[in-house]
Amino acid sequence: MAIINGRRIDPASIPSGAHGSELERHAKAGVGRRPILECGGKVQQIDANRHYRQNELIDKQGRGAKVTSMPDRSKGYGFGGPRTPQSRQIITEQVIAVAEHLFTQGLEFDEEDAHWVVVPNYHLPPRWHAIARRTPLMVAFPNEYPALPPIGFYMMADIPVSPDGHFFQGVAHDAWAEPIAQGWKWYCTYIHNGAWQPARNWRDGDNLFTYFHLINEVLGN
C-alpha cells in the first residue's frame, strides 16, 4: 500500500498507478519545500509530468511508499561539473591536510577534478561492529565547495543496513547520485542552510576536518 501523509491507500484503488501531479498534490509541499517519494530505501523528487506505475509505489516486501515533502536546498548546488581553480586548490589543500593528520594510512583522491575523496579503510565505531568494522567511505564535493558543504557521505553497498537508518540506495537533498551506480550507498547527513561557515583562510572556518568530525559524530551516536 502507498502511504500518503500517513494514510494508507489500497493499491486496488490505483490499478493503473498514479500521475505525478496527483502525488504532488497529496504531498502538500508548501513554500520552500518540494514533494518527494520514499520507497524501498530510495528517495526521489516527484515529477509532476510523469506517470508512476503501481509497482513503483510498493517495495519488494509489499510495504507502502510514502509521499511527503522536504525542505529545498540552496540554489546552485551541483556535483560532477566544472569547478573553479580556487575551489580545486582549496579541496586539494584540505585533502592533503586530512591525509597528514587524520588518515595517515592514505586516501584516494580525484586529483584531476577534485570531485571526491575516499577513505579506503574507514574504521566504524563500536555500535556498527555487529554489521561491519570498516568500510570505504567517500565524501563528494559540490561544484561550489567550499562555499557549500557536502551533502551526506557514501559507504559501500555491501553494508546491508545501518543501526539507525539514514542509509539509502538513493539520494535526497540534491546529493550526487552518480556514486549509487558505482556500488555506493548514501548516508543522509544534512547541514542546514547558513550553518556551514567557511572562511577566506580555509583553516579558520568550516572545512573538510569539520565534515569528518561530523561524520564521526553521526556514525557514533
N, C-alpha and C. Protein backbone atom coordinates (compact mmCIF):
# COMPACT_ATOMS: atom_id res chain seq x y z
N MET A 1 0.84 -1.19 0.00
CA MET A 1 0.00 0.00 0.00
C MET A 1 0.88 1.24 0.00
N ALA A 2 0.47 2.24 -0.71
CA ALA A 2 1.17 3.52 -0.65
C ALA A 2 0.74 4.27 0.60
N ILE A 3 1.64 5.03 1.16
CA ILE A 3 1.32 5.85 2.33
C ILE A 3 1.39 7.31 1.89
N ILE A 4 0.27 8.00 1.97
CA ILE A 4 0.24 9.42 1.61
C ILE A 4 -0.17 10.20 2.84
N ASN A 5 0.81 10.97 3.37
CA ASN A 5 0.58 11.73 4.59
C ASN A 5 0.04 10.84 5.71
N GLY A 6 0.62 9.65 5.87
CA GLY A 6 0.24 8.74 6.94
C GLY A 6 -1.01 7.93 6.66
N ARG A 7 -1.64 8.12 5.51
CA ARG A 7 -2.88 7.42 5.19
C ARG A 7 -2.58 6.35 4.15
N ARG A 8 -2.92 5.10 4.47
CA ARG A 8 -2.67 4.00 3.55
C ARG A 8 -3.72 3.97 2.44
N ILE A 9 -3.23 3.73 1.24
CA ILE A 9 -4.13 3.67 0.09
C ILE A 9 -4.09 2.26 -0.48
N ASP A 10 -5.24 1.68 -0.68
CA ASP A 10 -5.34 0.34 -1.23
C ASP A 10 -4.85 0.35 -2.68
N PRO A 11 -3.81 -0.45 -3.01
CA PRO A 11 -3.32 -0.48 -4.40
C PRO A 11 -4.42 -0.83 -5.40
N ALA A 12 -5.43 -1.56 -4.93
CA ALA A 12 -6.52 -1.91 -5.84
C ALA A 12 -7.27 -0.68 -6.33
N SER A 13 -7.16 0.41 -5.57
CA SER A 13 -7.85 1.64 -5.97
C SER A 13 -7.07 2.43 -7.01
N ILE A 14 -5.79 2.03 -7.22
CA ILE A 14 -4.98 2.70 -8.24
C ILE A 14 -4.31 1.64 -9.11
N PRO A 15 -5.10 0.78 -9.78
CA PRO A 15 -4.52 -0.33 -10.55
C PRO A 15 -3.61 0.15 -11.68
N SER A 16 -3.84 1.36 -12.14
CA SER A 16 -3.02 1.90 -13.23
C SER A 16 -1.93 2.83 -12.70
N GLY A 17 -1.71 2.82 -11.37
CA GLY A 17 -0.72 3.71 -10.79
C GLY A 17 -1.30 5.08 -10.51
N ALA A 18 -0.43 6.09 -10.46
CA ALA A 18 -0.87 7.44 -10.15
C ALA A 18 -0.01 8.44 -10.91
N HIS A 19 -0.63 9.54 -11.32
CA HIS A 19 0.12 10.57 -12.01
C HIS A 19 0.90 11.41 -11.00
N GLY A 20 2.06 11.88 -11.43
CA GLY A 20 2.90 12.66 -10.53
C GLY A 20 2.21 13.89 -9.99
N SER A 21 1.37 14.51 -10.79
CA SER A 21 0.67 15.71 -10.32
C SER A 21 -0.26 15.39 -9.15
N GLU A 22 -0.87 14.18 -9.19
CA GLU A 22 -1.73 13.76 -8.09
C GLU A 22 -0.91 13.47 -6.84
N LEU A 23 0.22 12.78 -7.00
CA LEU A 23 1.09 12.54 -5.85
C LEU A 23 1.59 13.86 -5.28
N GLU A 24 1.94 14.78 -6.17
CA GLU A 24 2.43 16.09 -5.73
C GLU A 24 1.37 16.82 -4.91
N ARG A 25 0.12 16.69 -5.32
CA ARG A 25 -0.97 17.34 -4.58
C ARG A 25 -1.08 16.76 -3.17
N HIS A 26 -0.96 15.43 -3.05
CA HIS A 26 -1.05 14.80 -1.74
C HIS A 26 0.15 15.14 -0.85
N ALA A 27 1.30 15.42 -1.47
CA ALA A 27 2.49 15.75 -0.68
C ALA A 27 2.33 17.05 0.09
N LYS A 28 1.49 17.95 -0.42
CA LYS A 28 1.21 19.23 0.25
C LYS A 28 2.49 19.99 0.56
N ALA A 29 3.36 20.08 -0.44
CA ALA A 29 4.62 20.80 -0.26
C ALA A 29 4.34 22.30 -0.25
N GLY A 30 4.65 22.95 0.85
CA GLY A 30 4.43 24.38 0.97
C GLY A 30 5.61 25.18 0.42
N VAL A 31 5.62 26.44 0.73
CA VAL A 31 6.69 27.33 0.28
C VAL A 31 8.02 26.85 0.87
N GLY A 32 9.04 26.76 0.03
CA GLY A 32 10.35 26.34 0.49
C GLY A 32 10.50 24.83 0.64
N ARG A 33 9.51 24.06 0.19
CA ARG A 33 9.58 22.61 0.28
C ARG A 33 9.30 22.01 -1.09
N ARG A 34 9.73 20.75 -1.29
CA ARG A 34 9.49 20.08 -2.56
C ARG A 34 8.95 18.68 -2.30
N PRO A 35 8.08 18.17 -3.18
CA PRO A 35 7.45 16.86 -2.96
C PRO A 35 8.41 15.72 -3.27
N ILE A 36 8.42 14.70 -2.43
CA ILE A 36 9.29 13.55 -2.63
C ILE A 36 8.51 12.26 -2.43
N LEU A 37 9.08 11.19 -3.01
CA LEU A 37 8.53 9.84 -2.87
C LEU A 37 9.60 8.97 -2.23
N GLU A 38 9.28 8.34 -1.10
CA GLU A 38 10.20 7.42 -0.42
C GLU A 38 9.65 6.01 -0.59
N CYS A 39 10.49 5.11 -1.15
CA CYS A 39 10.03 3.74 -1.34
C CYS A 39 11.24 2.81 -1.39
N GLY A 40 11.23 1.79 -0.56
CA GLY A 40 12.29 0.78 -0.58
C GLY A 40 13.67 1.36 -0.30
N GLY A 41 13.76 2.37 0.56
CA GLY A 41 15.03 2.97 0.89
C GLY A 41 15.51 4.00 -0.12
N LYS A 42 14.74 4.21 -1.19
CA LYS A 42 15.11 5.20 -2.20
C LYS A 42 14.26 6.45 -2.03
N VAL A 43 14.89 7.58 -2.25
CA VAL A 43 14.20 8.85 -2.14
C VAL A 43 14.34 9.58 -3.46
N GLN A 44 13.24 10.03 -4.02
CA GLN A 44 13.30 10.77 -5.28
C GLN A 44 12.29 11.89 -5.26
N GLN A 45 12.63 12.98 -5.95
CA GLN A 45 11.69 14.07 -6.08
C GLN A 45 10.59 13.67 -7.05
N ILE A 46 9.35 14.01 -6.72
CA ILE A 46 8.22 13.65 -7.57
C ILE A 46 8.23 14.52 -8.82
N ASP A 47 8.09 13.87 -9.95
CA ASP A 47 7.99 14.56 -11.24
C ASP A 47 6.51 14.69 -11.58
N ALA A 48 6.00 15.90 -11.56
CA ALA A 48 4.57 16.12 -11.78
C ALA A 48 4.14 15.75 -13.19
N ASN A 49 5.09 15.59 -14.10
CA ASN A 49 4.76 15.34 -15.51
C ASN A 49 4.85 13.88 -15.93
N ARG A 50 5.13 12.98 -14.99
CA ARG A 50 5.22 11.57 -15.37
C ARG A 50 4.19 10.74 -14.62
N HIS A 51 3.96 9.54 -15.14
CA HIS A 51 3.02 8.61 -14.51
C HIS A 51 3.82 7.54 -13.76
N TYR A 52 3.44 7.29 -12.49
CA TYR A 52 4.10 6.29 -11.66
C TYR A 52 3.28 5.00 -11.68
N ARG A 53 3.93 3.91 -12.07
CA ARG A 53 3.24 2.62 -12.07
C ARG A 53 2.97 2.16 -10.64
N GLN A 54 1.99 1.29 -10.51
CA GLN A 54 1.61 0.80 -9.19
C GLN A 54 2.80 0.16 -8.46
N ASN A 55 3.64 -0.58 -9.22
CA ASN A 55 4.76 -1.26 -8.57
C ASN A 55 5.85 -0.30 -8.12
N GLU A 56 5.81 0.95 -8.56
CA GLU A 56 6.76 1.94 -8.09
C GLU A 56 6.35 2.51 -6.74
N LEU A 57 5.13 2.23 -6.32
CA LEU A 57 4.61 2.75 -5.07
C LEU A 57 4.63 1.70 -3.96
N ILE A 58 5.18 0.52 -4.27
CA ILE A 58 5.26 -0.57 -3.30
C ILE A 58 6.65 -1.19 -3.40
N ASP A 59 7.31 -1.45 -2.25
CA ASP A 59 8.64 -2.05 -2.32
C ASP A 59 8.55 -3.56 -2.46
N LYS A 60 9.69 -4.24 -2.50
CA LYS A 60 9.72 -5.68 -2.75
C LYS A 60 9.06 -6.48 -1.65
N GLN A 61 8.99 -5.91 -0.46
CA GLN A 61 8.35 -6.61 0.67
C GLN A 61 6.87 -6.26 0.79
N GLY A 62 6.36 -5.49 -0.16
CA GLY A 62 4.96 -5.12 -0.11
C GLY A 62 4.66 -3.95 0.79
N ARG A 63 5.70 -3.31 1.31
CA ARG A 63 5.49 -2.15 2.18
C ARG A 63 5.23 -0.91 1.33
N GLY A 64 4.36 -0.07 1.82
CA GLY A 64 3.94 1.08 1.05
C GLY A 64 4.98 2.18 0.95
N ALA A 65 4.89 2.93 -0.13
CA ALA A 65 5.71 4.12 -0.28
C ALA A 65 5.13 5.24 0.57
N LYS A 66 5.87 6.30 0.69
CA LYS A 66 5.39 7.46 1.42
C LYS A 66 5.56 8.68 0.53
N VAL A 67 4.51 9.44 0.42
CA VAL A 67 4.55 10.69 -0.33
C VAL A 67 4.56 11.82 0.67
N THR A 68 5.61 12.62 0.65
CA THR A 68 5.74 13.69 1.62
C THR A 68 6.54 14.83 0.99
N SER A 69 7.12 15.69 1.79
CA SER A 69 7.91 16.80 1.26
C SER A 69 9.13 17.01 2.12
N MET A 70 10.11 17.71 1.56
CA MET A 70 11.32 18.03 2.31
C MET A 70 11.75 19.45 1.95
N PRO A 71 12.58 20.07 2.80
CA PRO A 71 13.00 21.44 2.51
C PRO A 71 13.84 21.53 1.25
N ASP A 72 13.71 22.64 0.55
CA ASP A 72 14.58 22.92 -0.58
C ASP A 72 16.00 23.16 -0.09
N ARG A 73 16.95 22.86 -0.96
CA ARG A 73 18.34 23.18 -0.70
C ARG A 73 18.64 24.56 -1.27
N SER A 74 19.83 25.08 -0.93
CA SER A 74 20.29 26.32 -1.53
C SER A 74 20.35 26.17 -3.04
N LYS A 75 20.03 27.24 -3.74
CA LYS A 75 20.10 27.22 -5.19
C LYS A 75 21.57 27.12 -5.61
N GLY A 76 21.80 26.48 -6.75
CA GLY A 76 23.15 26.42 -7.29
C GLY A 76 23.91 25.16 -6.94
N TYR A 77 23.31 24.26 -6.14
CA TYR A 77 24.01 23.03 -5.80
C TYR A 77 24.19 22.19 -7.05
N GLY A 78 25.38 21.63 -7.20
CA GLY A 78 25.66 20.75 -8.32
C GLY A 78 26.88 19.91 -8.00
N PHE A 79 26.99 18.75 -8.66
CA PHE A 79 28.12 17.85 -8.47
C PHE A 79 28.60 17.37 -9.83
N GLY A 80 29.89 17.06 -9.90
CA GLY A 80 30.43 16.44 -11.09
C GLY A 80 30.63 17.38 -12.26
N GLY A 81 30.47 18.67 -12.04
CA GLY A 81 30.61 19.63 -13.12
C GLY A 81 31.88 20.46 -12.98
N PRO A 82 32.02 21.48 -13.80
CA PRO A 82 33.21 22.33 -13.73
C PRO A 82 33.33 23.02 -12.38
N ARG A 83 34.53 23.16 -11.91
CA ARG A 83 34.77 23.92 -10.68
C ARG A 83 35.88 24.92 -10.94
N THR A 84 35.91 25.95 -10.14
CA THR A 84 36.92 27.00 -10.33
C THR A 84 38.28 26.49 -9.89
N PRO A 85 39.35 27.06 -10.44
CA PRO A 85 40.70 26.70 -9.97
C PRO A 85 40.86 26.92 -8.47
N GLN A 86 40.22 27.95 -7.93
CA GLN A 86 40.32 28.21 -6.49
C GLN A 86 39.68 27.08 -5.69
N SER A 87 38.51 26.62 -6.12
CA SER A 87 37.84 25.51 -5.44
C SER A 87 38.72 24.26 -5.48
N ARG A 88 39.29 23.96 -6.65
CA ARG A 88 40.15 22.78 -6.78
C ARG A 88 41.37 22.89 -5.87
N GLN A 89 41.95 24.08 -5.79
CA GLN A 89 43.12 24.28 -4.94
C GLN A 89 42.79 24.09 -3.47
N ILE A 90 41.67 24.67 -3.04
CA ILE A 90 41.27 24.56 -1.63
C ILE A 90 40.97 23.11 -1.26
N ILE A 91 40.24 22.41 -2.13
CA ILE A 91 39.94 21.00 -1.85
C ILE A 91 41.23 20.20 -1.76
N THR A 92 42.14 20.41 -2.70
CA THR A 92 43.40 19.67 -2.70
C THR A 92 44.19 19.93 -1.42
N GLU A 93 44.26 21.19 -0.99
CA GLU A 93 44.97 21.51 0.25
C GLU A 93 44.32 20.84 1.44
N GLN A 94 43.00 20.83 1.48
CA GLN A 94 42.30 20.22 2.62
C GLN A 94 42.49 18.71 2.63
N VAL A 95 42.43 18.08 1.46
CA VAL A 95 42.64 16.63 1.38
C VAL A 95 44.04 16.27 1.85
N ILE A 96 45.03 17.02 1.44
CA ILE A 96 46.41 16.76 1.86
C ILE A 96 46.53 16.90 3.38
N ALA A 97 45.92 17.93 3.94
CA ALA A 97 45.99 18.15 5.39
C ALA A 97 45.29 17.02 6.15
N VAL A 98 44.14 16.59 5.65
CA VAL A 98 43.41 15.50 6.31
C VAL A 98 44.21 14.20 6.23
N ALA A 99 44.88 13.98 5.08
CA ALA A 99 45.70 12.76 4.93
C ALA A 99 46.88 12.78 5.89
N GLU A 100 47.40 13.96 6.17
CA GLU A 100 48.55 14.06 7.07
C GLU A 100 48.16 13.91 8.53
N HIS A 101 46.96 14.34 8.90
CA HIS A 101 46.60 14.43 10.32
C HIS A 101 45.51 13.45 10.77
N LEU A 102 44.62 13.03 9.86
CA LEU A 102 43.53 12.14 10.27
C LEU A 102 43.66 10.74 9.71
N PHE A 103 44.11 10.61 8.47
CA PHE A 103 44.12 9.32 7.80
C PHE A 103 45.53 9.06 7.24
N THR A 104 46.42 8.75 8.14
CA THR A 104 47.83 8.60 7.75
C THR A 104 48.10 7.34 6.94
N GLN A 105 47.12 6.42 6.89
CA GLN A 105 47.30 5.23 6.07
C GLN A 105 46.97 5.48 4.60
N GLY A 106 46.54 6.70 4.30
CA GLY A 106 46.35 7.07 2.91
C GLY A 106 44.90 7.28 2.49
N LEU A 107 44.72 8.12 1.49
CA LEU A 107 43.41 8.40 0.92
C LEU A 107 43.48 8.20 -0.59
N GLU A 108 42.32 8.04 -1.20
CA GLU A 108 42.20 8.07 -2.65
C GLU A 108 41.49 9.38 -3.01
N PHE A 109 42.02 10.09 -4.01
CA PHE A 109 41.53 11.43 -4.30
C PHE A 109 41.43 11.65 -5.80
N ASP A 110 40.37 12.30 -6.21
CA ASP A 110 40.17 12.67 -7.61
C ASP A 110 41.03 13.90 -7.90
N GLU A 111 42.31 13.65 -8.20
CA GLU A 111 43.25 14.75 -8.39
C GLU A 111 42.92 15.61 -9.60
N GLU A 112 42.29 15.02 -10.61
CA GLU A 112 42.03 15.76 -11.84
C GLU A 112 40.91 16.78 -11.67
N ASP A 113 39.79 16.36 -11.09
CA ASP A 113 38.61 17.24 -10.99
C ASP A 113 38.24 17.62 -9.57
N ALA A 114 38.83 16.95 -8.57
CA ALA A 114 38.54 17.23 -7.16
C ALA A 114 37.05 17.03 -6.84
N HIS A 115 36.43 16.02 -7.44
CA HIS A 115 35.03 15.75 -7.17
C HIS A 115 34.83 14.93 -5.89
N TRP A 116 35.81 14.13 -5.49
CA TRP A 116 35.61 13.23 -4.36
C TRP A 116 36.92 12.86 -3.68
N VAL A 117 36.79 12.39 -2.44
CA VAL A 117 37.90 11.78 -1.71
C VAL A 117 37.36 10.53 -1.02
N VAL A 118 38.16 9.46 -0.99
CA VAL A 118 37.75 8.19 -0.40
C VAL A 118 38.73 7.78 0.68
N VAL A 119 38.19 7.41 1.85
CA VAL A 119 38.98 6.76 2.90
C VAL A 119 38.82 5.26 2.66
N PRO A 120 39.85 4.56 2.18
CA PRO A 120 39.68 3.15 1.80
C PRO A 120 39.30 2.23 2.95
N ASN A 121 39.80 2.51 4.15
CA ASN A 121 39.52 1.65 5.30
C ASN A 121 39.08 2.52 6.49
N TYR A 122 37.89 3.03 6.37
CA TYR A 122 37.35 3.85 7.45
C TYR A 122 36.90 2.95 8.59
N HIS A 123 37.40 3.19 9.79
CA HIS A 123 37.06 2.36 10.95
C HIS A 123 35.73 2.84 11.55
N LEU A 124 34.75 1.97 11.52
CA LEU A 124 33.44 2.30 12.05
C LEU A 124 33.44 2.21 13.57
N PRO A 125 32.61 3.02 14.25
CA PRO A 125 32.55 2.98 15.72
C PRO A 125 31.93 1.69 16.22
N PRO A 126 32.10 1.37 17.52
CA PRO A 126 31.65 0.07 18.06
C PRO A 126 30.19 -0.27 17.79
N ARG A 127 29.31 0.72 17.75
CA ARG A 127 27.88 0.41 17.57
C ARG A 127 27.60 -0.22 16.21
N TRP A 128 28.55 -0.14 15.29
CA TRP A 128 28.40 -0.74 13.97
C TRP A 128 29.00 -2.14 13.87
N HIS A 129 29.74 -2.59 14.88
CA HIS A 129 30.58 -3.77 14.72
C HIS A 129 29.80 -5.06 14.47
N ALA A 130 28.54 -5.10 14.88
CA ALA A 130 27.74 -6.28 14.57
C ALA A 130 27.41 -6.35 13.08
N ILE A 131 27.56 -5.22 12.38
CA ILE A 131 27.27 -5.14 10.94
C ILE A 131 28.56 -5.14 10.14
N ALA A 132 29.48 -4.27 10.51
CA ALA A 132 30.77 -4.15 9.82
C ALA A 132 31.72 -3.36 10.71
N ARG A 133 33.02 -3.62 10.57
CA ARG A 133 34.01 -2.91 11.37
C ARG A 133 34.72 -1.81 10.58
N ARG A 134 34.74 -1.94 9.29
CA ARG A 134 35.38 -0.92 8.45
C ARG A 134 34.74 -0.94 7.08
N THR A 135 34.91 0.17 6.37
CA THR A 135 34.32 0.29 5.04
C THR A 135 35.04 1.40 4.28
N PRO A 136 35.09 1.32 2.96
CA PRO A 136 35.44 2.51 2.19
C PRO A 136 34.37 3.58 2.43
N LEU A 137 34.80 4.81 2.56
CA LEU A 137 33.88 5.93 2.81
C LEU A 137 34.26 7.08 1.88
N MET A 138 33.28 7.61 1.18
CA MET A 138 33.51 8.69 0.21
C MET A 138 32.81 9.97 0.64
N VAL A 139 33.51 11.09 0.45
CA VAL A 139 32.90 12.41 0.55
C VAL A 139 32.97 13.04 -0.84
N ALA A 140 31.83 13.54 -1.32
CA ALA A 140 31.77 14.20 -2.63
C ALA A 140 31.67 15.71 -2.42
N PHE A 141 32.43 16.46 -3.20
CA PHE A 141 32.47 17.91 -3.05
C PHE A 141 31.54 18.57 -4.06
N PRO A 142 30.64 19.44 -3.61
CA PRO A 142 29.82 20.20 -4.56
C PRO A 142 30.71 21.06 -5.47
N ASN A 143 30.18 21.39 -6.63
CA ASN A 143 30.93 22.28 -7.53
C ASN A 143 31.25 23.61 -6.85
N GLU A 144 30.40 24.01 -5.88
CA GLU A 144 30.56 25.31 -5.23
C GLU A 144 31.34 25.22 -3.92
N TYR A 145 31.93 24.06 -3.62
CA TYR A 145 32.74 23.93 -2.40
C TYR A 145 33.95 24.87 -2.51
N PRO A 146 34.33 25.56 -1.42
CA PRO A 146 33.90 25.41 -0.02
C PRO A 146 32.72 26.29 0.40
N ALA A 147 32.13 27.07 -0.53
CA ALA A 147 31.01 27.91 -0.14
C ALA A 147 29.83 27.06 0.34
N LEU A 148 29.62 25.89 -0.29
CA LEU A 148 28.57 24.97 0.10
C LEU A 148 29.19 23.67 0.58
N PRO A 149 28.63 23.03 1.61
CA PRO A 149 29.21 21.81 2.18
C PRO A 149 28.81 20.57 1.39
N PRO A 150 29.47 19.44 1.63
CA PRO A 150 28.99 18.16 1.09
C PRO A 150 27.57 17.87 1.58
N ILE A 151 26.89 17.00 0.88
CA ILE A 151 25.54 16.58 1.28
C ILE A 151 25.62 15.09 1.61
N GLY A 152 25.68 14.76 2.88
CA GLY A 152 25.82 13.37 3.28
C GLY A 152 27.17 12.81 2.85
N PHE A 153 27.29 11.49 2.92
CA PHE A 153 28.50 10.80 2.50
C PHE A 153 28.11 9.40 2.05
N TYR A 154 29.08 8.64 1.57
CA TYR A 154 28.79 7.36 0.94
C TYR A 154 29.64 6.25 1.57
N MET A 155 29.01 5.10 1.75
CA MET A 155 29.73 3.90 2.17
C MET A 155 29.36 2.78 1.20
N MET A 156 30.15 1.72 1.19
CA MET A 156 29.92 0.69 0.18
C MET A 156 28.62 -0.07 0.43
N ALA A 157 28.00 -0.49 -0.67
CA ALA A 157 26.67 -1.08 -0.60
C ALA A 157 26.65 -2.47 0.02
N ASP A 158 27.83 -3.09 0.27
CA ASP A 158 27.81 -4.40 0.90
C ASP A 158 27.50 -4.31 2.39
N ILE A 159 27.44 -3.09 2.95
CA ILE A 159 26.89 -2.92 4.29
C ILE A 159 25.37 -2.95 4.15
N PRO A 160 24.69 -3.94 4.71
CA PRO A 160 23.26 -4.11 4.42
C PRO A 160 22.38 -3.01 5.00
N VAL A 161 22.66 -2.59 6.23
CA VAL A 161 21.82 -1.60 6.91
C VAL A 161 22.71 -0.79 7.83
N SER A 162 22.15 0.25 8.42
CA SER A 162 22.84 0.96 9.49
C SER A 162 22.07 0.74 10.78
N PRO A 163 22.69 0.98 11.94
CA PRO A 163 21.99 0.75 13.20
C PRO A 163 20.82 1.71 13.42
N ASP A 164 20.80 2.83 12.70
CA ASP A 164 19.80 3.85 12.97
C ASP A 164 19.09 4.36 11.72
N GLY A 165 19.14 3.61 10.61
CA GLY A 165 18.54 4.10 9.38
C GLY A 165 19.43 5.13 8.72
N HIS A 166 18.85 6.03 7.98
CA HIS A 166 19.56 7.14 7.31
C HIS A 166 20.51 6.66 6.21
N PHE A 167 20.44 5.40 5.81
CA PHE A 167 21.40 4.81 4.88
C PHE A 167 20.61 4.25 3.70
N PHE A 168 20.81 4.82 2.49
CA PHE A 168 19.87 4.58 1.39
C PHE A 168 20.58 4.17 0.11
N GLN A 169 19.85 3.46 -0.73
CA GLN A 169 20.30 3.14 -2.09
C GLN A 169 19.78 4.20 -3.06
N GLY A 170 19.74 5.40 -2.61
CA GLY A 170 19.32 6.55 -3.39
C GLY A 170 19.71 7.79 -2.62
N VAL A 171 19.53 8.96 -3.21
CA VAL A 171 19.94 10.21 -2.56
C VAL A 171 18.77 11.17 -2.46
N ALA A 172 18.94 12.16 -1.60
CA ALA A 172 17.96 13.24 -1.45
C ALA A 172 18.74 14.53 -1.23
N HIS A 173 18.01 15.62 -1.00
CA HIS A 173 18.63 16.93 -0.73
C HIS A 173 19.58 17.37 -1.85
N ASP A 174 19.36 16.90 -3.07
CA ASP A 174 20.21 17.25 -4.21
C ASP A 174 21.63 16.70 -4.10
N ALA A 175 21.81 15.63 -3.34
CA ALA A 175 23.12 14.99 -3.25
C ALA A 175 23.48 14.35 -4.60
N TRP A 176 24.75 14.01 -4.77
CA TRP A 176 25.25 13.45 -6.03
C TRP A 176 24.79 12.02 -6.18
N ALA A 177 24.07 11.71 -7.25
CA ALA A 177 23.51 10.38 -7.44
C ALA A 177 24.47 9.42 -8.13
N GLU A 178 25.48 9.93 -8.81
CA GLU A 178 26.34 9.06 -9.62
C GLU A 178 27.02 7.94 -8.81
N PRO A 179 27.49 8.18 -7.58
CA PRO A 179 28.13 7.07 -6.84
C PRO A 179 27.22 5.88 -6.61
N ILE A 180 25.91 6.07 -6.59
CA ILE A 180 25.00 4.95 -6.36
C ILE A 180 25.17 3.90 -7.46
N ALA A 181 25.36 4.36 -8.68
CA ALA A 181 25.55 3.43 -9.80
C ALA A 181 26.91 2.74 -9.76
N GLN A 182 27.81 3.24 -8.90
CA GLN A 182 29.15 2.66 -8.78
C GLN A 182 29.28 1.75 -7.56
N GLY A 183 28.14 1.39 -6.93
CA GLY A 183 28.18 0.44 -5.82
C GLY A 183 28.23 1.06 -4.44
N TRP A 184 27.90 2.36 -4.33
CA TRP A 184 27.88 3.02 -3.04
C TRP A 184 26.44 3.16 -2.55
N LYS A 185 26.28 3.32 -1.23
CA LYS A 185 25.04 3.76 -0.63
C LYS A 185 25.28 5.13 0.01
N TRP A 186 24.20 5.89 0.13
CA TRP A 186 24.30 7.26 0.64
C TRP A 186 23.79 7.33 2.07
N TYR A 187 24.57 7.98 2.95
CA TYR A 187 24.16 8.20 4.33
C TYR A 187 23.72 9.65 4.45
N CYS A 188 22.48 9.84 4.86
CA CYS A 188 21.88 11.17 4.89
C CYS A 188 22.39 11.97 6.09
N THR A 189 23.17 13.01 5.81
CA THR A 189 23.62 13.96 6.82
C THR A 189 23.43 15.34 6.23
N TYR A 190 22.47 16.08 6.75
CA TYR A 190 22.05 17.33 6.14
C TYR A 190 22.50 18.50 7.00
N ILE A 191 23.24 19.44 6.40
CA ILE A 191 23.64 20.66 7.09
C ILE A 191 22.67 21.76 6.70
N HIS A 192 22.04 22.36 7.68
CA HIS A 192 21.02 23.37 7.39
C HIS A 192 21.62 24.60 6.72
N ASN A 193 20.80 25.24 5.91
CA ASN A 193 21.24 26.44 5.21
C ASN A 193 21.78 27.47 6.20
N GLY A 194 22.95 28.00 5.92
CA GLY A 194 23.56 29.02 6.76
C GLY A 194 24.40 28.49 7.89
N ALA A 195 24.30 27.17 8.17
CA ALA A 195 25.07 26.61 9.29
C ALA A 195 26.53 26.37 8.93
N TRP A 196 26.81 26.14 7.65
CA TRP A 196 28.18 25.93 7.18
C TRP A 196 28.84 27.29 7.00
N GLN A 197 29.99 27.51 7.67
CA GLN A 197 30.62 28.83 7.67
C GLN A 197 32.10 28.72 7.33
N PRO A 198 32.43 28.64 6.04
CA PRO A 198 33.83 28.64 5.64
C PRO A 198 34.43 30.03 5.79
N ALA A 199 35.75 30.09 5.76
CA ALA A 199 36.45 31.37 5.92
C ALA A 199 37.36 31.62 4.72
N ARG A 200 37.77 32.89 4.56
CA ARG A 200 38.68 33.23 3.47
C ARG A 200 39.93 32.37 3.55
N ASN A 201 40.51 32.28 4.74
CA ASN A 201 41.57 31.30 5.00
C ASN A 201 40.87 30.02 5.49
N TRP A 202 40.88 28.98 4.67
CA TRP A 202 40.03 27.82 4.97
C TRP A 202 40.31 27.20 6.32
N ARG A 203 41.50 27.39 6.86
CA ARG A 203 41.84 26.82 8.17
C ARG A 203 41.08 27.50 9.31
N ASP A 204 40.54 28.68 9.06
CA ASP A 204 39.85 29.43 10.11
C ASP A 204 38.35 29.20 10.14
N GLY A 205 37.82 28.46 9.19
CA GLY A 205 36.38 28.23 9.16
C GLY A 205 36.05 26.77 8.98
N ASP A 206 34.81 26.47 8.65
CA ASP A 206 34.40 25.08 8.40
C ASP A 206 35.12 24.55 7.16
N ASN A 207 35.56 23.30 7.25
CA ASN A 207 36.37 22.72 6.18
C ASN A 207 36.23 21.20 6.22
N LEU A 208 37.10 20.49 5.53
CA LEU A 208 36.99 19.03 5.46
C LEU A 208 37.21 18.38 6.82
N PHE A 209 38.04 18.97 7.67
CA PHE A 209 38.18 18.46 9.04
C PHE A 209 36.82 18.52 9.74
N THR A 210 36.13 19.65 9.60
CA THR A 210 34.81 19.81 10.20
C THR A 210 33.88 18.69 9.75
N TYR A 211 33.92 18.41 8.44
CA TYR A 211 32.98 17.44 7.91
C TYR A 211 33.29 16.03 8.39
N PHE A 212 34.56 15.68 8.49
CA PHE A 212 34.89 14.35 9.01
C PHE A 212 34.56 14.25 10.50
N HIS A 213 34.68 15.33 11.25
CA HIS A 213 34.26 15.31 12.64
C HIS A 213 32.74 15.08 12.72
N LEU A 214 32.00 15.70 11.80
CA LEU A 214 30.56 15.50 11.75
C LEU A 214 30.23 14.04 11.43
N ILE A 215 30.96 13.45 10.47
CA ILE A 215 30.75 12.05 10.13
C ILE A 215 31.00 11.15 11.34
N ASN A 216 32.10 11.41 12.05
CA ASN A 216 32.40 10.62 13.26
C ASN A 216 31.26 10.70 14.28
N GLU A 217 30.74 11.91 14.45
CA GLU A 217 29.67 12.10 15.42
C GLU A 217 28.40 11.38 14.97
N VAL A 218 28.04 11.53 13.70
CA VAL A 218 26.82 10.92 13.18
C VAL A 218 26.87 9.40 13.31
N LEU A 219 27.99 8.80 12.92
CA LEU A 219 28.09 7.34 12.95
C LEU A 219 28.22 6.81 14.38
N GLY A 220 28.73 7.64 15.27
CA GLY A 220 28.94 7.18 16.65
C GLY A 220 27.77 7.34 17.57
N ASN A 221 26.81 8.19 17.20
CA ASN A 221 25.68 8.46 18.09
C ASN A 221 24.47 7.59 17.73
